[in-house]
């Protein structure tokens, strides 16, 4: 799907904090907003080619949002809002199966889930996670930083299944040729344990690879879960 319409290519200089970075735009050092609060240490390195989307708000302090970066001759989308848009399009076009009444930002229990729908006569909750970290074997790894919110969502999906609902977790992998997805046991053992518990509790877990360009991305295939 088309994600952006006004992109500028630049060279990454440094990250100031979770939200702010400096890039060289046409040779001019420019402060930009980073649309991802993850660590991204393997992606945001000095000299990396990046793409910026111009903000529609002329009064904003940062004129650009950093949305994509080139790594090993491929483009990785790092916009944390993009996976939800990609996932919703995929679900709407039948990727999750036959579902109806698809909605965004659905609350159940004490959590808010990215998507909700009806799967037959059963209510279904779907949480979406974007993946930008890969190991040397081409396996997608999640998360790249500890996420208590991620573990909470998994426990919520488990409880939904126990309550007789359908529930699932969709990993949107920003790399077309990933060979599988594995939990990051070292970085976040709590999330990894929750993911394995969810799998054993019949929560549906799907890892889907995207074909990514600077301004677009779409799910093209699914890959195995490596637990």
N, C-alpha and C. Protein backbone atom coordinates (compact mmCIF):
# COMPACT_ATOMS: atom_id res chain seq x y z
N UNK A 1 0.84 -1.18 0.00
CA UNK A 1 0.00 0.00 0.00
C UNK A 1 0.88 1.24 0.00
N UNK A 2 0.38 2.30 -0.59
CA UNK A 2 1.08 3.57 -0.61
C UNK A 2 0.99 4.20 0.76
N UNK A 3 2.15 4.54 1.34
CA UNK A 3 2.18 5.10 2.68
C UNK A 3 2.50 6.58 2.70
N UNK A 4 3.32 7.05 1.74
CA UNK A 4 3.80 8.43 1.75
C UNK A 4 3.77 9.00 0.34
N UNK A 5 3.70 10.32 0.27
CA UNK A 5 3.59 10.99 -1.03
C UNK A 5 4.61 12.12 -1.20
N UNK A 6 5.34 12.45 -0.16
CA UNK A 6 6.28 13.58 -0.27
C UNK A 6 7.55 13.23 0.51
N UNK A 7 8.41 12.41 -0.09
CA UNK A 7 9.62 11.94 0.59
C UNK A 7 10.87 12.67 0.13
N UNK A 8 11.80 12.83 1.06
CA UNK A 8 13.10 13.44 0.78
C UNK A 8 14.19 12.49 1.24
N UNK A 9 15.15 12.22 0.37
CA UNK A 9 16.26 11.34 0.74
C UNK A 9 17.33 12.15 1.48
N UNK A 10 17.96 11.52 2.46
CA UNK A 10 18.95 12.23 3.26
C UNK A 10 19.99 11.26 3.79
N UNK A 11 20.95 11.79 4.53
CA UNK A 11 21.98 10.97 5.18
C UNK A 11 21.84 11.12 6.69
N UNK A 12 21.80 9.98 7.39
CA UNK A 12 21.63 10.02 8.84
C UNK A 12 22.91 10.49 9.51
N UNK A 13 22.78 11.36 10.53
CA UNK A 13 23.94 11.85 11.27
C UNK A 13 24.00 11.26 12.68
N UNK A 14 22.98 11.48 13.48
CA UNK A 14 22.99 10.96 14.85
C UNK A 14 21.58 11.01 15.43
N UNK A 15 21.39 10.23 16.48
CA UNK A 15 20.12 10.25 17.19
C UNK A 15 20.31 11.02 18.49
N UNK A 16 19.48 12.01 18.70
CA UNK A 16 19.59 12.86 19.88
C UNK A 16 18.91 12.20 21.08
N UNK A 17 17.72 11.66 20.85
CA UNK A 17 16.98 10.92 21.88
C UNK A 17 15.99 10.00 21.18
N UNK A 18 15.03 9.45 21.91
CA UNK A 18 14.08 8.50 21.33
C UNK A 18 13.27 9.11 20.20
N UNK A 19 13.04 10.41 20.27
CA UNK A 19 12.11 11.06 19.34
C UNK A 19 12.79 11.93 18.28
N UNK A 20 14.03 12.30 18.50
CA UNK A 20 14.70 13.30 17.66
C UNK A 20 16.01 12.76 17.11
N UNK A 21 16.27 13.08 15.84
CA UNK A 21 17.55 12.74 15.20
C UNK A 21 18.00 13.92 14.35
N UNK A 22 19.26 13.87 13.93
CA UNK A 22 19.79 14.86 13.00
C UNK A 22 20.19 14.15 11.72
N UNK A 23 19.79 14.75 10.59
CA UNK A 23 20.11 14.22 9.27
C UNK A 23 20.67 15.33 8.41
N UNK A 24 21.43 14.93 7.39
CA UNK A 24 21.94 15.89 6.42
C UNK A 24 21.00 15.89 5.21
N UNK A 25 20.30 17.00 5.02
CA UNK A 25 19.35 17.14 3.92
C UNK A 25 19.92 18.14 2.92
N UNK A 26 20.39 17.64 1.80
CA UNK A 26 21.03 18.52 0.83
C UNK A 26 22.24 19.23 1.38
N UNK A 27 22.96 18.54 2.29
CA UNK A 27 24.15 19.13 2.88
C UNK A 27 23.89 20.00 4.09
N UNK A 28 22.63 20.15 4.48
CA UNK A 28 22.26 21.00 5.62
C UNK A 28 21.85 20.11 6.79
N UNK A 29 22.48 20.30 7.95
CA UNK A 29 22.09 19.53 9.14
C UNK A 29 20.68 19.93 9.55
N UNK A 30 19.79 18.92 9.66
CA UNK A 30 18.37 19.17 9.91
C UNK A 30 17.89 18.29 11.05
N UNK A 31 17.15 18.86 11.98
CA UNK A 31 16.57 18.11 13.07
C UNK A 31 15.25 17.51 12.62
N UNK A 32 15.07 16.19 12.83
CA UNK A 32 13.88 15.49 12.35
C UNK A 32 13.26 14.68 13.48
N UNK A 33 11.99 14.34 13.32
CA UNK A 33 11.27 13.50 14.27
C UNK A 33 11.42 12.03 13.85
N UNK A 34 11.76 11.17 14.81
CA UNK A 34 11.88 9.73 14.54
C UNK A 34 10.56 9.06 14.88
N UNK A 35 9.92 8.42 13.90
CA UNK A 35 8.60 7.83 14.11
C UNK A 35 8.68 6.41 14.66
N UNK A 36 9.63 6.19 15.56
CA UNK A 36 9.79 4.88 16.19
C UNK A 36 10.64 5.09 17.44
N UNK A 37 10.15 4.68 18.60
CA UNK A 37 10.90 4.88 19.84
C UNK A 37 11.79 3.68 20.19
N UNK A 38 11.82 2.66 19.32
CA UNK A 38 12.71 1.52 19.55
C UNK A 38 14.16 1.92 19.42
N UNK A 39 15.06 0.99 19.77
CA UNK A 39 16.49 1.32 19.76
C UNK A 39 17.04 1.49 18.35
N UNK A 40 16.72 0.59 17.44
CA UNK A 40 17.11 0.69 16.02
C UNK A 40 18.61 0.90 15.84
N UNK A 41 19.41 0.36 16.77
CA UNK A 41 20.86 0.63 16.73
C UNK A 41 21.52 0.07 15.49
N UNK A 42 20.99 -1.04 14.96
CA UNK A 42 21.60 -1.64 13.77
C UNK A 42 21.19 -0.94 12.49
N UNK A 43 20.19 -0.05 12.57
CA UNK A 43 19.70 0.65 11.39
C UNK A 43 20.14 2.10 11.33
N UNK A 44 19.97 2.81 12.44
CA UNK A 44 20.28 4.25 12.46
C UNK A 44 21.73 4.46 12.83
N UNK A 45 22.58 4.31 11.81
CA UNK A 45 24.03 4.48 11.98
C UNK A 45 24.47 5.68 11.14
N UNK A 46 25.50 6.39 11.57
CA UNK A 46 25.97 7.55 10.80
C UNK A 46 26.26 7.19 9.35
N UNK A 47 25.76 8.01 8.44
CA UNK A 47 25.97 7.81 7.02
C UNK A 47 24.90 7.01 6.32
N UNK A 48 24.00 6.39 7.07
CA UNK A 48 22.94 5.58 6.45
C UNK A 48 22.01 6.46 5.62
N UNK A 49 21.61 5.94 4.46
CA UNK A 49 20.64 6.64 3.63
C UNK A 49 19.26 6.48 4.24
N UNK A 50 18.56 7.60 4.41
CA UNK A 50 17.23 7.59 5.03
C UNK A 50 16.25 8.35 4.15
N UNK A 51 14.97 8.17 4.48
CA UNK A 51 13.91 8.91 3.80
C UNK A 51 13.06 9.64 4.83
N UNK A 52 12.74 10.88 4.51
CA UNK A 52 11.96 11.73 5.38
C UNK A 52 10.64 12.09 4.71
N UNK A 53 9.57 12.11 5.52
CA UNK A 53 8.29 12.60 5.03
C UNK A 53 8.08 14.01 5.57
N UNK A 54 7.72 14.92 4.69
CA UNK A 54 7.50 16.31 5.10
C UNK A 54 6.20 16.41 5.88
N UNK A 55 6.25 17.08 7.02
CA UNK A 55 5.06 17.24 7.85
C UNK A 55 4.05 18.17 7.19
N UNK A 56 2.78 17.84 7.37
CA UNK A 56 1.72 18.69 6.82
C UNK A 56 1.45 19.89 7.72
N UNK A 57 2.10 19.91 8.88
CA UNK A 57 1.91 21.02 9.83
C UNK A 57 3.08 21.99 9.73
N UNK A 58 2.90 23.14 9.08
CA UNK A 58 4.01 24.09 8.89
C UNK A 58 4.50 24.71 10.19
N UNK A 59 3.70 24.63 11.26
CA UNK A 59 4.10 25.23 12.52
C UNK A 59 4.83 24.28 13.45
N UNK A 60 5.05 23.05 13.00
CA UNK A 60 5.72 22.08 13.86
C UNK A 60 7.20 22.38 13.97
N UNK A 61 7.81 22.04 15.12
CA UNK A 61 9.23 22.33 15.32
C UNK A 61 10.11 21.54 14.38
N UNK A 62 9.74 20.28 14.10
CA UNK A 62 10.51 19.47 13.15
C UNK A 62 9.72 19.38 11.84
N UNK A 63 10.37 19.75 10.76
CA UNK A 63 9.70 19.80 9.46
C UNK A 63 9.48 18.42 8.87
N UNK A 64 10.33 17.43 9.28
CA UNK A 64 10.29 16.11 8.67
C UNK A 64 10.12 15.00 9.71
N UNK A 65 9.54 13.88 9.24
CA UNK A 65 9.50 12.63 9.99
C UNK A 65 10.41 11.62 9.31
N UNK A 66 11.25 10.94 10.09
CA UNK A 66 12.12 9.89 9.57
C UNK A 66 11.31 8.60 9.50
N UNK A 67 11.12 8.04 8.28
CA UNK A 67 10.21 6.90 8.12
C UNK A 67 10.86 5.64 7.57
N UNK A 68 12.02 5.76 6.91
CA UNK A 68 12.64 4.58 6.33
C UNK A 68 14.16 4.76 6.26
N UNK A 69 14.86 3.64 6.26
CA UNK A 69 16.32 3.66 6.22
C UNK A 69 16.83 2.49 5.38
N UNK A 70 17.94 2.69 4.70
CA UNK A 70 18.54 1.62 3.89
C UNK A 70 19.54 0.84 4.73
N UNK A 71 19.44 -0.50 4.66
CA UNK A 71 20.35 -1.38 5.37
C UNK A 71 20.70 -2.55 4.46
N UNK A 72 21.99 -2.74 4.17
CA UNK A 72 22.44 -3.84 3.32
C UNK A 72 21.70 -3.86 1.99
N UNK A 73 21.59 -2.70 1.37
CA UNK A 73 20.97 -2.53 0.04
C UNK A 73 19.48 -2.83 0.02
N UNK A 74 18.83 -2.82 1.17
CA UNK A 74 17.38 -2.96 1.22
C UNK A 74 16.80 -1.83 2.06
N UNK A 75 15.56 -1.53 1.86
CA UNK A 75 14.90 -0.46 2.58
C UNK A 75 14.04 -1.05 3.70
N UNK A 76 14.19 -0.49 4.89
CA UNK A 76 13.41 -0.92 6.05
C UNK A 76 12.54 0.24 6.49
N UNK A 77 11.23 0.02 6.54
CA UNK A 77 10.33 1.04 7.06
C UNK A 77 10.39 1.00 8.58
N UNK A 78 10.62 2.15 9.22
CA UNK A 78 10.71 2.19 10.68
C UNK A 78 9.57 3.00 11.30
N UNK A 79 8.59 3.37 10.52
CA UNK A 79 7.45 4.14 11.00
C UNK A 79 6.57 3.23 11.85
N UNK A 80 6.46 3.48 13.14
CA UNK A 80 5.71 2.60 14.02
C UNK A 80 4.21 2.59 13.74
N UNK A 81 3.73 3.56 12.96
CA UNK A 81 2.31 3.58 12.60
C UNK A 81 2.02 2.75 11.35
N UNK A 82 3.05 2.46 10.55
CA UNK A 82 2.84 1.77 9.28
C UNK A 82 2.33 0.33 9.44
N UNK A 83 2.87 -0.47 10.38
CA UNK A 83 2.40 -1.86 10.48
C UNK A 83 0.88 -1.99 10.66
N UNK A 84 0.27 -1.11 11.44
CA UNK A 84 -1.18 -1.19 11.63
C UNK A 84 -1.93 -0.94 10.32
N UNK A 85 -1.46 0.02 9.53
CA UNK A 85 -2.11 0.31 8.25
C UNK A 85 -1.95 -0.87 7.29
N UNK A 86 -0.74 -1.43 7.25
CA UNK A 86 -0.47 -2.57 6.38
C UNK A 86 -1.31 -3.77 6.82
N UNK A 87 -1.35 -4.02 8.13
CA UNK A 87 -2.10 -5.15 8.66
C UNK A 87 -3.59 -5.03 8.35
N UNK A 88 -4.14 -3.85 8.55
CA UNK A 88 -5.57 -3.67 8.31
C UNK A 88 -5.91 -3.93 6.85
N UNK A 89 -5.09 -3.44 5.93
CA UNK A 89 -5.33 -3.69 4.52
C UNK A 89 -5.29 -5.18 4.23
N UNK A 90 -4.32 -5.88 4.82
CA UNK A 90 -4.17 -7.33 4.60
C UNK A 90 -5.38 -8.09 5.14
N UNK A 91 -5.83 -7.72 6.32
CA UNK A 91 -7.01 -8.38 6.91
C UNK A 91 -8.24 -8.09 6.05
N UNK A 92 -8.38 -6.85 5.61
CA UNK A 92 -9.55 -6.47 4.80
C UNK A 92 -9.60 -7.19 3.47
N UNK A 93 -8.43 -7.57 2.95
CA UNK A 93 -8.40 -8.26 1.65
C UNK A 93 -8.29 -9.78 1.80
N UNK A 94 -8.61 -10.30 2.99
CA UNK A 94 -8.71 -11.74 3.17
C UNK A 94 -7.50 -12.44 3.72
N UNK A 95 -6.45 -11.70 4.09
CA UNK A 95 -5.23 -12.34 4.56
C UNK A 95 -5.41 -13.13 5.84
N UNK A 96 -6.30 -12.67 6.71
CA UNK A 96 -6.54 -13.36 7.99
C UNK A 96 -7.60 -14.45 7.85
N UNK A 97 -8.28 -14.48 6.71
CA UNK A 97 -9.40 -15.40 6.50
C UNK A 97 -10.69 -14.62 6.34
N UNK A 98 -11.80 -15.32 6.42
CA UNK A 98 -13.10 -14.69 6.25
C UNK A 98 -13.50 -14.00 7.55
N UNK A 99 -13.43 -12.67 7.53
CA UNK A 99 -13.81 -11.87 8.70
C UNK A 99 -14.69 -10.72 8.24
N UNK A 100 -15.45 -10.19 9.18
CA UNK A 100 -16.33 -9.06 8.89
C UNK A 100 -16.21 -8.03 10.01
N UNK A 101 -16.81 -6.88 9.80
CA UNK A 101 -16.90 -5.83 10.82
C UNK A 101 -15.52 -5.49 11.39
N UNK A 102 -14.58 -5.20 10.50
CA UNK A 102 -13.19 -4.91 10.91
C UNK A 102 -13.10 -3.49 11.47
N UNK A 103 -12.54 -3.39 12.66
CA UNK A 103 -12.41 -2.09 13.31
C UNK A 103 -11.00 -1.91 13.87
N UNK A 104 -10.59 -0.66 14.00
CA UNK A 104 -9.29 -0.33 14.59
C UNK A 104 -9.46 0.10 16.04
N UNK A 105 -8.40 -0.14 16.85
CA UNK A 105 -8.35 0.33 18.23
C UNK A 105 -9.58 -0.16 19.03
N UNK A 106 -9.58 -1.45 19.31
CA UNK A 106 -10.70 -2.08 20.00
C UNK A 106 -10.31 -2.38 21.45
N UNK A 107 -11.13 -1.97 22.39
CA UNK A 107 -10.86 -2.21 23.80
C UNK A 107 -11.57 -3.46 24.29
N UNK A 108 -10.81 -4.29 25.02
CA UNK A 108 -11.39 -5.45 25.69
C UNK A 108 -10.62 -5.67 26.99
N UNK A 109 -11.34 -5.88 28.08
CA UNK A 109 -10.65 -5.99 29.36
C UNK A 109 -9.96 -4.68 29.68
N UNK A 110 -8.69 -4.78 30.09
CA UNK A 110 -7.94 -3.56 30.44
C UNK A 110 -6.92 -3.20 29.37
N UNK A 111 -7.12 -3.70 28.14
CA UNK A 111 -6.18 -3.42 27.05
C UNK A 111 -6.90 -2.93 25.81
N UNK A 112 -6.17 -2.21 24.98
CA UNK A 112 -6.66 -1.80 23.67
C UNK A 112 -5.86 -2.54 22.61
N UNK A 113 -6.57 -3.20 21.70
CA UNK A 113 -5.94 -3.99 20.65
C UNK A 113 -6.07 -3.28 19.31
N UNK A 114 -5.11 -3.56 18.42
CA UNK A 114 -5.02 -2.80 17.18
C UNK A 114 -6.22 -3.02 16.26
N UNK A 115 -6.71 -4.27 16.20
CA UNK A 115 -7.82 -4.59 15.31
C UNK A 115 -8.82 -5.49 16.01
N UNK A 116 -10.07 -5.32 15.64
CA UNK A 116 -11.12 -6.22 16.08
C UNK A 116 -12.00 -6.55 14.90
N UNK A 117 -12.58 -7.74 14.90
CA UNK A 117 -13.44 -8.14 13.80
C UNK A 117 -14.34 -9.28 14.27
N UNK A 118 -15.20 -9.74 13.38
CA UNK A 118 -16.00 -10.93 13.63
C UNK A 118 -15.49 -12.04 12.74
N UNK A 119 -15.26 -13.21 13.34
CA UNK A 119 -14.80 -14.38 12.61
C UNK A 119 -15.91 -15.43 12.76
N UNK A 120 -16.78 -15.45 11.77
CA UNK A 120 -17.99 -16.24 11.92
C UNK A 120 -18.87 -15.58 12.96
N UNK A 121 -19.27 -16.36 13.96
CA UNK A 121 -20.09 -15.82 15.04
C UNK A 121 -19.26 -15.36 16.23
N UNK A 122 -17.95 -15.51 16.14
CA UNK A 122 -17.08 -15.19 17.28
C UNK A 122 -16.40 -13.84 17.09
N UNK A 123 -16.29 -13.11 18.18
CA UNK A 123 -15.52 -11.87 18.17
C UNK A 123 -14.03 -12.23 18.13
N UNK A 124 -13.24 -11.45 17.40
CA UNK A 124 -11.81 -11.72 17.26
C UNK A 124 -11.01 -10.45 17.54
N UNK A 125 -9.98 -10.57 18.36
CA UNK A 125 -9.05 -9.47 18.64
C UNK A 125 -7.71 -9.78 17.99
N UNK A 126 -7.11 -8.77 17.36
CA UNK A 126 -5.81 -8.95 16.70
C UNK A 126 -4.88 -7.82 17.14
N UNK A 127 -3.73 -8.20 17.69
CA UNK A 127 -2.69 -7.22 18.01
C UNK A 127 -1.62 -7.27 16.93
N UNK A 128 -1.07 -6.12 16.56
CA UNK A 128 -0.10 -6.01 15.48
C UNK A 128 1.23 -5.52 16.04
N UNK A 129 2.33 -6.17 15.63
CA UNK A 129 3.67 -5.75 16.03
C UNK A 129 4.55 -5.63 14.78
N UNK A 130 5.18 -4.46 14.61
CA UNK A 130 6.12 -4.27 13.51
C UNK A 130 7.50 -4.78 13.89
N UNK A 131 8.19 -5.41 12.95
CA UNK A 131 9.49 -6.04 13.21
C UNK A 131 10.55 -5.47 12.26
N UNK A 132 11.64 -4.95 12.85
CA UNK A 132 12.72 -4.36 12.05
C UNK A 132 14.09 -4.93 12.39
N UNK A 133 14.14 -5.92 13.29
CA UNK A 133 15.42 -6.50 13.73
C UNK A 133 15.57 -7.91 13.17
N UNK A 134 16.77 -8.21 12.64
CA UNK A 134 17.03 -9.51 12.01
C UNK A 134 18.40 -10.01 12.43
N UNK A 135 18.52 -11.33 12.59
CA UNK A 135 19.85 -11.87 12.91
C UNK A 135 20.61 -12.22 11.63
N UNK A 136 21.82 -12.75 11.80
CA UNK A 136 22.68 -13.01 10.64
C UNK A 136 22.16 -14.13 9.76
N UNK A 137 21.21 -14.92 10.27
CA UNK A 137 20.63 -16.01 9.48
C UNK A 137 19.35 -15.59 8.75
N UNK A 138 19.00 -14.32 8.84
CA UNK A 138 17.80 -13.85 8.17
C UNK A 138 16.52 -14.08 8.94
N UNK A 139 16.63 -14.40 10.23
CA UNK A 139 15.45 -14.60 11.07
C UNK A 139 15.04 -13.27 11.68
N UNK A 140 13.77 -12.94 11.61
CA UNK A 140 13.24 -11.74 12.24
C UNK A 140 13.17 -11.96 13.74
N UNK A 141 13.58 -10.95 14.52
CA UNK A 141 13.63 -11.05 15.97
C UNK A 141 12.77 -9.95 16.58
N UNK A 142 11.96 -10.33 17.57
CA UNK A 142 11.12 -9.33 18.25
C UNK A 142 11.10 -9.64 19.74
N UNK A 143 11.18 -8.57 20.58
CA UNK A 143 11.32 -7.15 20.27
C UNK A 143 12.79 -6.73 20.21
N UNK A 144 13.03 -5.48 19.83
CA UNK A 144 14.41 -4.97 19.84
C UNK A 144 14.70 -4.21 21.12
N UNK A 145 13.68 -4.07 21.97
CA UNK A 145 13.83 -3.43 23.29
C UNK A 145 12.74 -4.01 24.19
N UNK A 146 12.96 -4.05 25.51
CA UNK A 146 11.94 -4.60 26.41
C UNK A 146 10.58 -3.91 26.23
N UNK A 147 9.50 -4.70 26.25
CA UNK A 147 8.17 -4.15 26.05
C UNK A 147 7.17 -4.78 27.01
N UNK A 148 6.96 -4.15 28.13
CA UNK A 148 5.96 -4.65 29.07
C UNK A 148 4.56 -4.58 28.46
N UNK A 149 4.34 -3.60 27.61
CA UNK A 149 3.05 -3.46 26.93
C UNK A 149 2.80 -4.65 26.02
N UNK A 150 3.86 -5.13 25.36
CA UNK A 150 3.72 -6.27 24.47
C UNK A 150 3.32 -7.53 25.22
N UNK A 151 3.94 -7.77 26.37
CA UNK A 151 3.59 -8.93 27.19
C UNK A 151 2.17 -8.81 27.71
N UNK A 152 1.77 -7.60 28.08
CA UNK A 152 0.40 -7.39 28.56
C UNK A 152 -0.61 -7.72 27.47
N UNK A 153 -0.33 -7.31 26.24
CA UNK A 153 -1.23 -7.63 25.14
C UNK A 153 -1.35 -9.14 24.95
N UNK A 154 -0.24 -9.85 25.06
CA UNK A 154 -0.28 -11.30 24.90
C UNK A 154 -1.14 -11.96 25.97
N UNK A 155 -1.00 -11.50 27.21
CA UNK A 155 -1.83 -12.06 28.28
C UNK A 155 -3.31 -11.74 28.04
N UNK A 156 -3.58 -10.57 27.48
CA UNK A 156 -4.95 -10.23 27.13
C UNK A 156 -5.51 -11.13 26.05
N UNK A 157 -4.69 -11.46 25.06
CA UNK A 157 -5.12 -12.37 23.99
C UNK A 157 -5.39 -13.77 24.54
N UNK A 158 -4.56 -14.19 25.49
CA UNK A 158 -4.76 -15.50 26.13
C UNK A 158 -6.10 -15.52 26.87
N UNK A 159 -6.38 -14.45 27.62
CA UNK A 159 -7.64 -14.38 28.36
C UNK A 159 -8.83 -14.34 27.41
N UNK A 160 -8.68 -13.68 26.27
CA UNK A 160 -9.77 -13.65 25.29
C UNK A 160 -10.08 -15.05 24.78
N UNK A 161 -9.05 -15.84 24.54
CA UNK A 161 -9.28 -17.23 24.10
C UNK A 161 -9.98 -18.03 25.18
N UNK A 162 -9.58 -17.83 26.42
CA UNK A 162 -10.21 -18.55 27.53
C UNK A 162 -11.67 -18.15 27.70
N UNK A 163 -11.99 -16.93 27.25
CA UNK A 163 -13.37 -16.45 27.33
C UNK A 163 -14.21 -16.88 26.13
N UNK A 164 -13.62 -17.67 25.25
CA UNK A 164 -14.35 -18.19 24.10
C UNK A 164 -14.26 -17.36 22.85
N UNK A 165 -13.41 -16.34 22.85
CA UNK A 165 -13.24 -15.50 21.67
C UNK A 165 -12.10 -16.03 20.81
N UNK A 166 -11.99 -15.52 19.60
CA UNK A 166 -10.81 -15.74 18.76
C UNK A 166 -9.83 -14.61 19.05
N UNK A 167 -8.54 -14.90 18.99
CA UNK A 167 -7.55 -13.84 19.18
C UNK A 167 -6.27 -14.18 18.45
N UNK A 168 -5.51 -13.17 18.09
CA UNK A 168 -4.29 -13.43 17.34
C UNK A 168 -3.29 -12.29 17.43
N UNK A 169 -2.06 -12.63 17.13
CA UNK A 169 -0.96 -11.66 17.07
C UNK A 169 -0.37 -11.71 15.67
N UNK A 170 -0.31 -10.56 15.01
CA UNK A 170 0.24 -10.48 13.67
C UNK A 170 1.53 -9.69 13.69
N UNK A 171 2.65 -10.37 13.41
CA UNK A 171 3.94 -9.72 13.26
C UNK A 171 4.08 -9.25 11.82
N UNK A 172 4.25 -7.95 11.62
CA UNK A 172 4.46 -7.38 10.29
C UNK A 172 5.96 -7.16 10.13
N UNK A 173 6.60 -8.03 9.36
CA UNK A 173 8.06 -8.04 9.21
C UNK A 173 8.46 -7.15 8.04
N UNK A 174 9.31 -6.17 8.29
CA UNK A 174 9.69 -5.21 7.26
C UNK A 174 10.89 -5.72 6.42
N UNK A 175 10.76 -6.95 5.95
CA UNK A 175 11.81 -7.55 5.12
C UNK A 175 11.17 -8.70 4.35
N UNK A 176 11.30 -8.67 3.02
CA UNK A 176 10.60 -9.64 2.19
C UNK A 176 11.17 -11.04 2.32
N UNK A 177 12.48 -11.16 2.55
CA UNK A 177 13.10 -12.49 2.51
C UNK A 177 13.46 -13.05 3.88
N UNK A 178 12.81 -12.59 4.94
CA UNK A 178 13.04 -13.20 6.25
C UNK A 178 12.63 -14.67 6.19
N UNK A 179 13.33 -15.51 6.93
CA UNK A 179 13.07 -16.96 6.85
C UNK A 179 12.18 -17.44 7.99
N UNK A 180 11.92 -16.61 8.97
CA UNK A 180 11.09 -16.98 10.09
C UNK A 180 11.11 -15.87 11.12
N UNK A 181 10.39 -16.08 12.21
CA UNK A 181 10.38 -15.11 13.30
C UNK A 181 10.59 -15.83 14.62
N UNK A 182 11.46 -15.25 15.46
CA UNK A 182 11.77 -15.82 16.77
C UNK A 182 11.68 -14.73 17.83
N UNK A 183 11.29 -15.10 19.06
CA UNK A 183 11.29 -14.12 20.15
C UNK A 183 12.71 -13.79 20.57
N UNK A 184 12.91 -12.58 21.05
CA UNK A 184 14.23 -12.13 21.50
C UNK A 184 14.39 -12.46 22.98
N UNK A 185 14.83 -13.69 23.25
CA UNK A 185 14.92 -14.18 24.63
C UNK A 185 15.87 -13.35 25.48
N UNK A 186 16.95 -12.86 24.89
CA UNK A 186 17.96 -12.12 25.65
C UNK A 186 17.44 -10.74 26.04
N UNK A 187 16.84 -10.05 25.10
CA UNK A 187 16.38 -8.68 25.34
C UNK A 187 15.13 -8.62 26.21
N UNK A 188 14.19 -9.54 25.98
CA UNK A 188 12.94 -9.50 26.74
C UNK A 188 12.42 -10.91 27.02
N UNK A 189 12.96 -11.57 28.04
CA UNK A 189 12.51 -12.93 28.36
C UNK A 189 11.05 -13.00 28.77
N UNK A 190 10.50 -11.92 29.34
CA UNK A 190 9.09 -11.93 29.75
C UNK A 190 8.18 -11.98 28.53
N UNK A 191 8.49 -11.19 27.51
CA UNK A 191 7.69 -11.23 26.28
C UNK A 191 7.83 -12.60 25.63
N UNK A 192 9.04 -13.14 25.60
CA UNK A 192 9.27 -14.44 24.98
C UNK A 192 8.45 -15.53 25.67
N UNK A 193 8.42 -15.50 27.00
CA UNK A 193 7.65 -16.48 27.75
C UNK A 193 6.16 -16.33 27.46
N UNK A 194 5.70 -15.08 27.40
CA UNK A 194 4.29 -14.82 27.12
C UNK A 194 3.92 -15.28 25.71
N UNK A 195 4.83 -15.12 24.75
CA UNK A 195 4.57 -15.55 23.39
C UNK A 195 4.42 -17.06 23.32
N UNK A 196 5.28 -17.78 24.02
CA UNK A 196 5.18 -19.24 24.04
C UNK A 196 3.91 -19.70 24.74
N UNK A 197 3.53 -19.01 25.81
CA UNK A 197 2.29 -19.34 26.50
C UNK A 197 1.09 -19.09 25.59
N UNK A 198 1.13 -17.98 24.85
CA UNK A 198 0.04 -17.68 23.92
C UNK A 198 -0.08 -18.76 22.85
N UNK A 199 1.05 -19.20 22.34
CA UNK A 199 1.06 -20.25 21.32
C UNK A 199 0.43 -21.53 21.87
N UNK A 200 0.78 -21.87 23.09
CA UNK A 200 0.25 -23.08 23.72
C UNK A 200 -1.23 -22.92 24.08
N UNK A 201 -1.68 -21.68 24.21
CA UNK A 201 -3.08 -21.40 24.58
C UNK A 201 -3.97 -21.22 23.36
N UNK A 202 -3.46 -21.55 22.17
CA UNK A 202 -4.23 -21.51 20.92
C UNK A 202 -4.53 -20.09 20.45
N UNK A 203 -3.72 -19.12 20.89
CA UNK A 203 -3.77 -17.80 20.26
C UNK A 203 -3.12 -17.93 18.89
N UNK A 204 -3.76 -17.44 17.87
CA UNK A 204 -3.21 -17.53 16.51
C UNK A 204 -2.07 -16.53 16.36
N UNK A 205 -0.90 -17.01 15.95
CA UNK A 205 0.27 -16.14 15.78
C UNK A 205 0.74 -16.26 14.34
N UNK A 206 0.76 -15.13 13.64
CA UNK A 206 1.14 -15.10 12.22
C UNK A 206 2.30 -14.13 12.05
N UNK A 207 3.34 -14.59 11.34
CA UNK A 207 4.48 -13.73 10.99
C UNK A 207 4.43 -13.52 9.48
N UNK A 208 4.32 -12.26 9.06
CA UNK A 208 4.12 -11.94 7.64
C UNK A 208 5.19 -10.99 7.14
N UNK A 209 5.81 -11.34 6.03
CA UNK A 209 6.87 -10.52 5.43
C UNK A 209 6.29 -9.50 4.46
N UNK A 210 6.91 -8.32 4.45
CA UNK A 210 6.49 -7.24 3.56
C UNK A 210 7.51 -6.98 2.47
N UNK A 211 7.00 -6.65 1.30
CA UNK A 211 7.83 -6.04 0.25
C UNK A 211 7.82 -4.54 0.53
N UNK A 212 9.01 -3.97 0.72
CA UNK A 212 9.12 -2.58 1.18
C UNK A 212 9.87 -1.72 0.18
N UNK A 213 9.30 -0.56 -0.13
CA UNK A 213 10.01 0.49 -0.85
C UNK A 213 10.00 1.72 0.05
N UNK A 214 10.62 2.78 -0.39
CA UNK A 214 10.69 3.97 0.46
C UNK A 214 9.31 4.50 0.80
N UNK A 215 8.37 4.43 -0.14
CA UNK A 215 7.06 5.06 0.08
C UNK A 215 5.90 4.09 0.20
N UNK A 216 6.18 2.77 0.19
CA UNK A 216 5.08 1.81 0.23
C UNK A 216 5.54 0.49 0.86
N UNK A 217 4.57 -0.31 1.27
CA UNK A 217 4.86 -1.64 1.80
C UNK A 217 3.59 -2.48 1.72
N UNK A 218 3.77 -3.79 1.50
CA UNK A 218 2.62 -4.69 1.48
C UNK A 218 3.06 -6.08 1.90
N UNK A 219 2.18 -6.79 2.58
CA UNK A 219 2.45 -8.17 2.99
C UNK A 219 2.40 -9.07 1.76
N UNK A 220 3.45 -9.91 1.61
CA UNK A 220 3.51 -10.77 0.42
C UNK A 220 3.53 -12.25 0.77
N UNK A 221 3.92 -12.62 2.01
CA UNK A 221 3.93 -14.03 2.37
C UNK A 221 4.07 -14.17 3.87
N UNK A 222 3.76 -15.35 4.37
CA UNK A 222 3.95 -15.64 5.79
C UNK A 222 5.15 -16.59 5.95
N UNK A 223 5.75 -16.58 7.14
CA UNK A 223 6.92 -17.41 7.44
C UNK A 223 6.70 -18.11 8.78
N UNK A 224 7.46 -19.17 9.05
CA UNK A 224 7.26 -19.93 10.27
C UNK A 224 7.63 -19.16 11.54
N UNK A 225 6.98 -19.54 12.62
CA UNK A 225 7.31 -19.06 13.94
C UNK A 225 8.33 -20.02 14.53
N UNK A 226 9.45 -19.48 15.03
CA UNK A 226 10.53 -20.31 15.58
C UNK A 226 10.56 -20.12 17.09
N UNK A 227 10.03 -21.10 17.81
CA UNK A 227 9.96 -21.00 19.26
C UNK A 227 10.95 -21.95 19.94
